[in-house]
Each structure stands twice: as structure tokens, then as C-alpha cells.
Amino acid sequence: MRMVIDYSILQCPLTGEELFPANDDVLTLVNKKLRVKENITEGLVNLSQTIFYPIKEHIIFLHQHYCIPLTEEIVFKKNIDFDKERIFNYYNDIKYIDFEGKKIYEDADKWVDFRDFMLAYTQQGFSNVRKYIKQQGTYFADIACGPVAFKEYVCLADGYANRICIDISVNALQEARHNLKKENQQGIFICADMLSLPLKENVCDAVVCHHALFHVQKDLQLTALKEMCRIAKPATTIAVVYDWFYHSAFMNIALGPVQLYRIARHYAGKLYAGMFKKNKLYFYSHSQNWFRRNNPGTKISFYAWRSINKYFSKLYLHKKFGGVQLLNYIWRKEKEKPELMGKIGEYSVIVIEK
């Protein structure tokens, strides 16, 4: 059964105007402009009828890359700067693999320790955000949703009437549809840029963003935060999972030379990508003080999502050498002191109250 979408919650990401289903006249004009073999049969048009956005295979294409100008006066700059382009290309080119009946990014094992004795700890991290958002509502916005790869990510939207999945990757949205369907959860799938979210103000009862903000250019991360805050209803929370990387005191001390190697490799990779124009994934981590200074809401807090990374677990956590006991100790500390561990650990849930 196809989900009925209330288009009144959407807005044109370029003009801010309302969007409406395109009529036959607009569709005829679009297909005449494109001159493709397979006609576009569905889409949205802004109030001034100057921009058309296609809808195909249940995905609403509200990204500037896919929009179609309807008048000669509207001209879009399709080329984007290198850092933004390589993020776009990386996530549209990445492949997927099977995990527990769902599709996940093929590079997931670079960041996630999937060993059996680690799994319970890893999975609780995936569901951690649930504690910091409302337990029910009308709209749950999943920003940079990716393929919604794990059942714990799917369950974050339990209690919500509508899950809005927004991502720059069409492939990720297709996989998200596949994964959510397996869990009998419907979604609204939108291809869009998190720097210009195509939702009206004060629409969402919860806004979450996992492992994506640090892939936005450092000078634009505040723009993305403001956009997430804008679409949230008053007195609700925005939960952003963030990687402190070299700002993590725990990992800096525990990993020592390994952490120095990671940092050196990171900067070498940035230099390599810039010099040779490679689609290496962009990454920049701001400090907690930066977030405090630039908080777009009324209050900001930091909680533990997962205080250790895969480098730590591979180095210290081995089943035969007390790894389970050490893991349980860290896990217990995260439960007892979530704010402390969220500040010194690797991954934090940044909770912004609007």
C-alpha cells in the first residue's frame, strides 16, 4: 500500500515557496524540455511554477542537482566546489552489503566492530538516540538517513506516524525503502541537501542525524544545524551523533601513538584528495566549545553514544584477555556518567533543545 504524502509540509529548497503536484501542462512542458525516452509522469512544482522536481520510484527529488527550471530566467549553477562534490559522489557511488537481512554500507566494518561479544554494546549505541527524543509524534525526520541500515535505527521512529528519510544519495534512499519495508515501516523518501532542507518550519516532532554532520564542510556545519533546528517543532529536541576524533580525551590518552597515526593519516588524506581531486570522504570535527558558541537552540548537551572506536576495541578488547570485562566496565561508566563519557569519548549524542 502506497503511503499518502501531505505535500503541504514541503517547501522549495531554492525559493522557499510551497510545492504542489505538477499538473498535465507542467509535465508536458518538462518532458518536452528533457526529450527523454521515458516520460516523467509525476513531480512537484513551486508556487511560481518556475522549478520542477521529479518523483520517481517513491523518491521525491528535491535536490538542486535534479531540479528542472521551467523558465529561461531560472539558471542554476550545477557545478559545486570540490569538498561538497566529493561528499555527493562518495555516497552516490558507494556499494552495499548484506547484514542481518538488511543492506549496509560496504565500508561499515571500518568503523563498527562486528565481533559477537561486541554486538550487544554496538547495538545499544545504535539505539541510544531514542532516549533523547520524544517517544511519539507525527513526523520523525531522519537527516542524512543513509540506508537505515540496522534494526535499532529503524526502531528509533517507533511511535511516529511518519518517518521522513532525507539523503543526498538516491541509492541510499532506495536501500532505506528496502530495509524499512522488511520491518513493516513506511517512510517518506526525499533526495535533498541537509544545507537546504525542503521542509517547512516547525514541522517535525523529532530530528535526528547520525554520523553525517562532520562530513559537511566545516564552515557550513552551522548552516546544517540551523536547518535541523528550523524544521523542528518548538520545545522539541534535535539529536546529532558526532565524532569528536582528535577532541576525544579518552581516545587520545588510550590510543597514544595510534591516535597520532590516525591524525597524521587524516591530514595526509586531505592533502592527497585536494591535490589529485579524489573522491575521498570529507571529514571535519569541531570542538564542544564550538558547539556551545554556535548553539542554534535554547540549550545544548552532550551524552555518550559510544565512547570507544574500533581502533580501541581491536587493540584492547580481546575475549581471551579480559576484553569482555573491560568492555562491560566502559559500558557501565557510559550508563552511570553519560555526560562525562559523551564529552571525553569518541562518539557523542549532541542534544539541542529548541
Protein backbone atom coordinates (compact mmCIF):
# COMPACT_ATOMS: atom_id res chain seq x y z
CA MET A 1 0.00 0.00 0.00
CA ARG A 2 1.42 3.33 -1.05
CA MET A 3 1.81 5.99 1.59
CA VAL A 4 -0.23 9.16 1.12
CA ILE A 5 2.10 12.15 1.49
CA ASP A 6 0.97 15.51 2.77
CA TYR A 7 2.88 17.80 0.42
CA SER A 8 1.88 20.84 2.48
CA ILE A 9 4.82 20.15 4.84
CA LEU A 10 7.29 20.62 1.98
CA GLN A 11 8.85 23.76 0.57
CA CYS A 12 11.01 24.52 -2.42
CA PRO A 13 14.62 24.29 -1.21
CA LEU A 14 15.69 27.04 -3.62
CA THR A 15 12.92 29.63 -3.27
CA GLY A 16 11.19 28.65 -0.02
CA GLU A 17 7.83 28.56 -1.81
CA GLU A 18 5.16 25.93 -1.30
CA LEU A 19 5.21 22.88 -3.54
CA PHE A 20 2.26 21.34 -5.38
CA PRO A 21 1.74 18.23 -7.53
CA ALA A 22 2.51 19.10 -11.14
CA ASN A 23 -0.47 19.10 -13.49
CA ASP A 24 -0.51 17.69 -17.03
CA ASP A 25 0.54 21.01 -18.58
CA VAL A 26 3.67 21.20 -16.42
CA LEU A 27 4.53 17.55 -17.07
CA THR A 28 4.16 18.10 -20.82
CA LEU A 29 6.50 21.10 -20.63
CA VAL A 30 9.05 19.13 -18.59
CA ASN A 31 9.09 16.17 -20.95
CA LYS A 32 9.36 18.50 -23.94
CA LYS A 33 12.40 20.12 -22.36
CA LEU A 34 14.09 16.85 -21.48
CA ARG A 35 13.29 14.86 -24.61
CA VAL A 36 13.94 11.53 -22.94
CA LYS A 37 12.60 8.14 -24.00
CA GLU A 38 10.74 7.53 -20.75
CA ASN A 39 8.48 10.42 -19.84
CA ILE A 40 8.34 11.77 -16.30
CA THR A 41 4.84 11.11 -15.02
CA GLU A 42 4.94 12.67 -11.54
CA GLY A 43 6.57 15.57 -9.77
CA LEU A 44 6.21 18.76 -7.77
CA VAL A 45 6.31 22.38 -8.87
CA ASN A 46 6.83 25.51 -6.80
CA LEU A 47 4.16 28.18 -6.38
CA SER A 48 5.60 30.45 -9.09
CA GLN A 49 5.86 27.45 -11.44
CA THR A 50 9.49 28.15 -12.20
CA ILE A 51 11.08 24.94 -10.84
CA PHE A 52 10.05 21.31 -11.25
CA TYR A 53 11.13 18.43 -9.01
CA PRO A 54 10.64 14.85 -10.26
CA ILE A 55 9.15 11.98 -8.27
CA LYS A 56 10.29 8.52 -9.30
CA GLU A 57 10.03 5.14 -7.58
CA HIS A 58 8.54 6.81 -4.48
CA ILE A 59 11.54 9.14 -4.10
CA ILE A 60 10.93 12.91 -4.18
CA PHE A 61 13.90 14.60 -5.85
CA LEU A 62 14.24 17.92 -4.03
CA HIS A 63 17.98 18.27 -4.54
CA GLN A 64 19.22 21.10 -6.76
CA HIS A 65 21.18 18.57 -8.81
CA TYR A 66 17.92 17.02 -10.08
CA CYS A 67 15.62 20.04 -10.37
CA ILE A 68 14.40 21.26 -13.76
CA PRO A 69 13.97 25.01 -14.45
CA LEU A 70 10.73 25.81 -16.27
CA THR A 71 11.62 29.32 -17.43
CA GLU A 72 14.64 30.73 -19.23
CA GLU A 73 15.17 33.25 -16.40
CA ILE A 74 15.95 30.45 -13.93
CA VAL A 75 19.55 29.31 -14.29
CA PHE A 76 21.20 27.00 -11.79
CA LYS A 77 24.85 26.60 -11.06
CA LYS A 78 25.16 22.82 -11.28
CA ASN A 79 28.87 22.64 -10.58
CA ILE A 80 29.75 22.69 -6.88
CA ASP A 81 33.01 23.16 -5.03
CA PHE A 82 35.29 20.16 -4.67
CA ASP A 83 34.71 19.30 -0.99
CA LYS A 84 30.95 19.27 -1.42
CA GLU A 85 31.16 17.41 -4.72
CA ARG A 86 33.28 14.60 -3.30
CA ILE A 87 30.74 14.04 -0.49
CA PHE A 88 27.96 13.87 -3.09
CA ASN A 89 29.94 11.48 -5.30
CA TYR A 90 31.12 9.27 -2.44
CA TYR A 91 27.63 8.48 -1.19
CA ASN A 92 26.15 8.08 -4.65
CA ASP A 93 28.91 5.66 -5.69
CA ILE A 94 29.27 3.56 -2.54
CA LYS A 95 28.23 -0.10 -2.69
CA TYR A 96 26.16 -2.07 -0.19
CA ILE A 97 26.47 -5.46 1.51
CA ASP A 98 24.04 -7.68 3.43
CA PHE A 99 23.95 -7.71 7.24
CA GLU A 100 21.21 -9.49 9.17
CA GLY A 101 18.91 -9.34 6.15
CA LYS A 102 19.45 -5.62 5.52
CA LYS A 103 21.69 -3.55 3.28
CA ILE A 104 24.51 -1.61 4.94
CA TYR A 105 27.40 0.45 3.56
CA GLU A 106 30.23 -1.76 2.34
CA ASP A 107 32.72 0.25 4.42
CA ALA A 108 30.73 -0.18 7.68
CA ASP A 109 33.31 -2.55 9.14
CA LYS A 110 35.89 0.26 9.05
CA TRP A 111 34.02 1.95 11.88
CA VAL A 112 31.98 -0.81 13.54
CA ASP A 113 33.35 -3.82 15.41
CA PHE A 114 31.01 -6.67 14.47
CA ARG A 115 32.59 -9.34 16.70
CA ASP A 116 29.99 -11.41 18.59
CA PHE A 117 30.94 -10.29 22.10
CA MET A 118 30.87 -6.62 20.96
CA LEU A 119 27.47 -6.81 19.32
CA ALA A 120 25.25 -6.01 22.32
CA TYR A 121 27.31 -2.93 23.13
CA THR A 122 27.32 -1.83 19.49
CA GLN A 123 23.58 -2.29 19.12
CA GLN A 124 22.76 -0.30 22.25
CA GLY A 125 24.78 2.53 20.74
CA PHE A 126 22.64 2.42 17.62
CA SER A 127 19.51 2.88 19.74
CA ASN A 128 20.97 5.47 22.16
CA VAL A 129 19.37 8.46 20.43
CA ARG A 130 15.93 7.17 21.39
CA LYS A 131 16.48 8.33 25.00
CA TYR A 132 16.84 11.97 23.95
CA ILE A 133 13.82 12.45 21.67
CA LYS A 134 10.08 12.32 22.13
CA GLN A 135 8.74 8.78 22.13
CA GLN A 136 5.91 9.54 19.73
CA GLY A 137 4.65 12.14 17.31
CA THR A 138 3.57 12.82 13.75
CA TYR A 139 6.87 13.46 11.90
CA PHE A 140 10.25 11.89 12.66
CA ALA A 141 12.95 13.45 10.45
CA ASP A 142 15.98 11.26 9.72
CA ILE A 143 18.55 13.63 8.21
CA ALA A 144 21.27 12.02 6.07
CA CYS A 145 19.47 8.76 6.80
CA GLY A 146 21.65 6.55 4.60
CA PRO A 147 20.16 3.06 4.11
CA VAL A 148 18.71 2.96 7.68
CA ALA A 149 20.99 0.00 7.98
CA PHE A 150 20.28 -1.53 11.39
CA LYS A 151 17.08 -2.61 13.11
CA GLU A 152 17.91 -0.29 16.01
CA TYR A 153 17.89 2.67 13.58
CA VAL A 154 14.51 1.53 12.25
CA CYS A 155 13.06 1.34 15.77
CA LEU A 156 14.04 4.95 16.55
CA ALA A 157 10.89 6.04 14.71
CA ASP A 158 8.53 3.67 16.56
CA GLY A 159 5.58 5.68 17.84
CA TYR A 160 5.71 8.15 14.96
CA ALA A 161 3.09 8.30 12.23
CA ASN A 162 5.59 9.31 9.53
CA ARG A 163 9.31 8.77 9.08
CA ILE A 164 10.90 11.32 6.73
CA CYS A 165 14.13 9.96 5.24
CA ILE A 166 16.34 12.65 3.71
CA ASP A 167 19.65 11.93 1.98
CA ILE A 168 21.75 13.19 -0.94
CA SER A 169 22.15 9.63 -2.25
CA VAL A 170 19.41 8.11 -4.38
CA ASN A 171 20.94 4.67 -3.87
CA ALA A 172 20.84 5.10 -0.07
CA LEU A 173 17.17 6.06 -0.23
CA GLN A 174 16.39 3.01 -2.35
CA GLU A 175 18.13 0.79 0.19
CA ALA A 176 16.31 2.60 3.02
CA ARG A 177 13.00 1.72 1.35
CA HIS A 178 14.11 -1.89 1.13
CA ASN A 179 15.22 -2.03 4.78
CA LEU A 180 12.16 -0.25 6.18
CA LYS A 181 9.81 -2.44 4.15
CA LYS A 182 11.36 -5.52 5.77
CA GLU A 183 10.46 -4.05 9.17
CA ASN A 184 6.95 -3.03 8.00
CA GLN A 185 7.75 0.65 8.46
CA GLN A 186 6.69 3.16 5.84
CA GLY A 187 8.62 6.26 5.02
CA ILE A 188 8.68 9.48 3.02
CA PHE A 189 11.86 9.42 0.94
CA ILE A 190 13.39 12.72 -0.14
CA CYS A 191 16.64 13.30 -2.03
CA ALA A 192 17.83 16.63 -0.67
CA ASP A 193 20.75 18.61 0.72
CA MET A 194 20.84 18.98 4.52
CA LEU A 195 22.04 22.56 4.00
CA SER A 196 18.67 23.43 2.50
CA LEU A 197 16.08 21.06 3.92
CA PRO A 198 12.85 21.06 1.86
CA LEU A 199 10.57 21.08 4.92
CA LYS A 200 8.65 23.98 6.40
CA GLU A 201 9.41 25.43 9.81
CA ASN A 202 8.14 23.74 12.98
CA VAL A 203 7.03 20.52 11.28
CA CYS A 204 8.93 17.70 12.98
CA ASP A 205 8.41 16.22 16.43
CA ALA A 206 11.95 14.80 16.38
CA VAL A 207 15.02 15.41 14.23
CA VAL A 208 17.96 13.01 14.25
CA CYS A 209 21.20 12.94 12.29
CA HIS A 210 23.70 10.06 12.57
CA HIS A 211 27.36 10.35 11.55
CA ALA A 212 26.81 12.95 8.84
CA LEU A 213 27.34 16.47 10.18
CA PHE A 214 31.12 16.03 10.32
CA HIS A 215 31.07 15.21 6.59
CA VAL A 216 29.67 18.70 5.89
CA GLN A 217 32.28 21.39 5.19
CA LYS A 218 33.44 22.95 8.44
CA ASP A 219 32.13 26.43 7.59
CA LEU A 220 28.71 25.02 6.65
CA GLN A 221 28.06 22.75 9.64
CA LEU A 222 26.33 25.59 11.47
CA THR A 223 24.03 26.08 8.47
CA ALA A 224 23.06 22.40 8.67
CA LEU A 225 22.43 22.67 12.42
CA LYS A 226 20.23 25.73 11.92
CA GLU A 227 18.27 23.92 9.22
CA MET A 228 17.62 20.96 11.54
CA CYS A 229 16.54 23.35 14.27
CA ARG A 230 14.29 25.26 11.87
CA ILE A 231 12.21 22.23 10.86
CA ALA A 232 11.78 21.02 14.47
CA LYS A 233 8.70 22.00 16.42
CA PRO A 234 9.16 24.33 19.39
CA ALA A 235 10.18 22.60 22.64
CA THR A 236 11.43 19.50 20.80
CA THR A 237 14.95 18.12 20.50
CA ILE A 238 17.45 17.64 17.70
CA ALA A 239 19.82 14.70 18.30
CA VAL A 240 23.07 14.66 16.32
CA VAL A 241 25.56 11.79 16.59
CA TYR A 242 29.02 13.30 16.21
CA ASP A 243 32.62 12.04 16.15
CA TRP A 244 35.00 14.08 18.33
CA PHE A 245 38.06 12.33 16.80
CA TYR A 246 41.11 14.34 17.94
CA HIS A 247 38.96 16.19 20.50
CA SER A 248 38.35 12.92 22.41
CA ALA A 249 40.50 12.99 25.55
CA PHE A 250 39.74 9.33 26.28
CA MET A 251 40.91 8.12 22.85
CA ASN A 252 43.91 10.48 22.79
CA ILE A 253 45.19 9.04 26.06
CA ALA A 254 44.21 5.41 25.49
CA LEU A 255 45.46 5.13 21.92
CA GLY A 256 48.55 7.35 22.18
CA PRO A 257 50.75 6.68 19.11
CA VAL A 258 47.85 5.04 17.28
CA GLN A 259 45.83 8.23 17.65
CA LEU A 260 48.76 10.29 16.39
CA TYR A 261 48.94 7.98 13.37
CA ARG A 262 45.20 8.44 12.74
CA ILE A 263 45.53 12.21 12.89
CA ALA A 264 48.57 12.24 10.58
CA ARG A 265 46.82 9.95 8.10
CA HIS A 266 43.72 12.14 8.19
CA TYR A 267 45.64 15.29 7.23
CA ALA A 268 47.66 13.40 4.62
CA GLY A 269 44.40 12.15 3.12
CA LYS A 270 43.01 15.67 2.94
CA LEU A 271 46.13 16.83 1.15
CA TYR A 272 46.01 13.88 -1.25
CA ALA A 273 42.32 14.39 -2.05
CA GLY A 274 42.84 18.10 -2.69
CA MET A 275 45.90 17.70 -4.87
CA PHE A 276 44.59 14.85 -7.03
CA LYS A 277 40.85 15.62 -6.84
CA LYS A 278 39.96 12.22 -5.43
CA ASN A 279 36.50 11.39 -4.05
CA LYS A 280 37.90 10.68 -0.59
CA LEU A 281 35.21 11.30 2.02
CA TYR A 282 35.43 14.76 3.58
CA PHE A 283 35.62 14.98 7.39
CA TYR A 284 35.96 17.83 9.86
CA SER A 285 35.31 17.66 13.61
CA HIS A 286 34.52 20.82 15.57
CA SER A 287 35.14 21.01 19.32
CA GLN A 288 32.48 21.06 22.03
CA ASN A 289 33.25 24.73 22.68
CA TRP A 290 32.43 25.46 19.04
CA PHE A 291 29.01 23.84 19.51
CA ARG A 292 28.39 25.77 22.72
CA ARG A 293 29.26 29.06 20.99
CA ASN A 294 27.12 28.26 17.96
CA ASN A 295 24.13 26.55 19.56
CA PRO A 296 21.07 27.38 17.41
CA GLY A 297 18.67 26.25 20.14
CA THR A 298 17.95 27.19 23.74
CA LYS A 299 20.10 24.50 25.37
CA ILE A 300 22.80 22.07 24.27
CA SER A 301 24.03 18.90 26.00
CA PHE A 302 26.45 16.08 25.20
CA TYR A 303 25.83 12.41 26.03
CA ALA A 304 27.66 9.17 25.34
CA TRP A 305 26.72 7.41 22.12
CA ARG A 306 29.71 5.09 22.03
CA SER A 307 32.80 6.27 23.86
CA ILE A 308 35.27 3.94 22.13
CA ASN A 309 36.15 3.44 18.47
CA LYS A 310 37.19 0.38 16.51
CA TYR A 311 40.88 1.14 16.94
CA PHE A 312 40.44 0.90 20.72
CA SER A 313 38.38 -2.29 20.58
CA LYS A 314 40.82 -4.03 18.25
CA LEU A 315 43.77 -3.01 20.40
CA TYR A 316 42.40 -3.67 23.88
CA LEU A 317 39.26 -5.81 23.70
CA HIS A 318 40.07 -9.49 23.23
CA LYS A 319 37.84 -12.21 24.60
CA LYS A 320 40.69 -14.33 25.98
CA PHE A 321 42.45 -11.41 27.67
CA GLY A 322 39.75 -9.77 29.76
CA GLY A 323 38.19 -7.88 26.85
CA VAL A 324 34.63 -8.65 27.90
CA GLN A 325 35.26 -7.39 31.44
CA LEU A 326 36.89 -4.17 30.18
CA LEU A 327 34.06 -3.60 27.72
CA ASN A 328 31.45 -4.08 30.45
CA TYR A 329 33.31 -1.61 32.65
CA ILE A 330 33.29 1.05 29.91
CA TRP A 331 29.65 0.31 29.16
CA ARG A 332 28.76 0.69 32.85
CA LYS A 333 30.56 4.03 33.03
CA GLU A 334 28.61 5.26 29.98
CA LYS A 335 25.37 4.41 31.79
CA GLU A 336 26.47 5.92 35.11
CA LYS A 337 28.03 9.07 33.67
CA PRO A 338 26.64 9.60 30.16
CA GLU A 339 27.50 13.32 30.08
CA LEU A 340 31.12 12.82 31.11
CA MET A 341 31.64 9.93 28.68
CA GLY A 342 29.89 11.91 25.96
CA LYS A 343 32.42 14.70 26.40
CA ILE A 344 35.62 12.64 26.61
CA GLY A 345 34.72 9.66 24.43
CA GLU A 346 34.83 9.23 20.65
CA TYR A 347 31.15 9.46 19.71
CA SER A 348 28.62 11.77 21.32
CA VAL A 349 24.90 12.46 21.02
CA ILE A 350 24.63 16.24 20.80
CA VAL A 351 21.17 17.12 22.05
CA ILE A 352 19.86 20.56 21.11
CA GLU A 353 16.62 21.78 22.64
CA LYS A 354 14.65 24.21 20.51
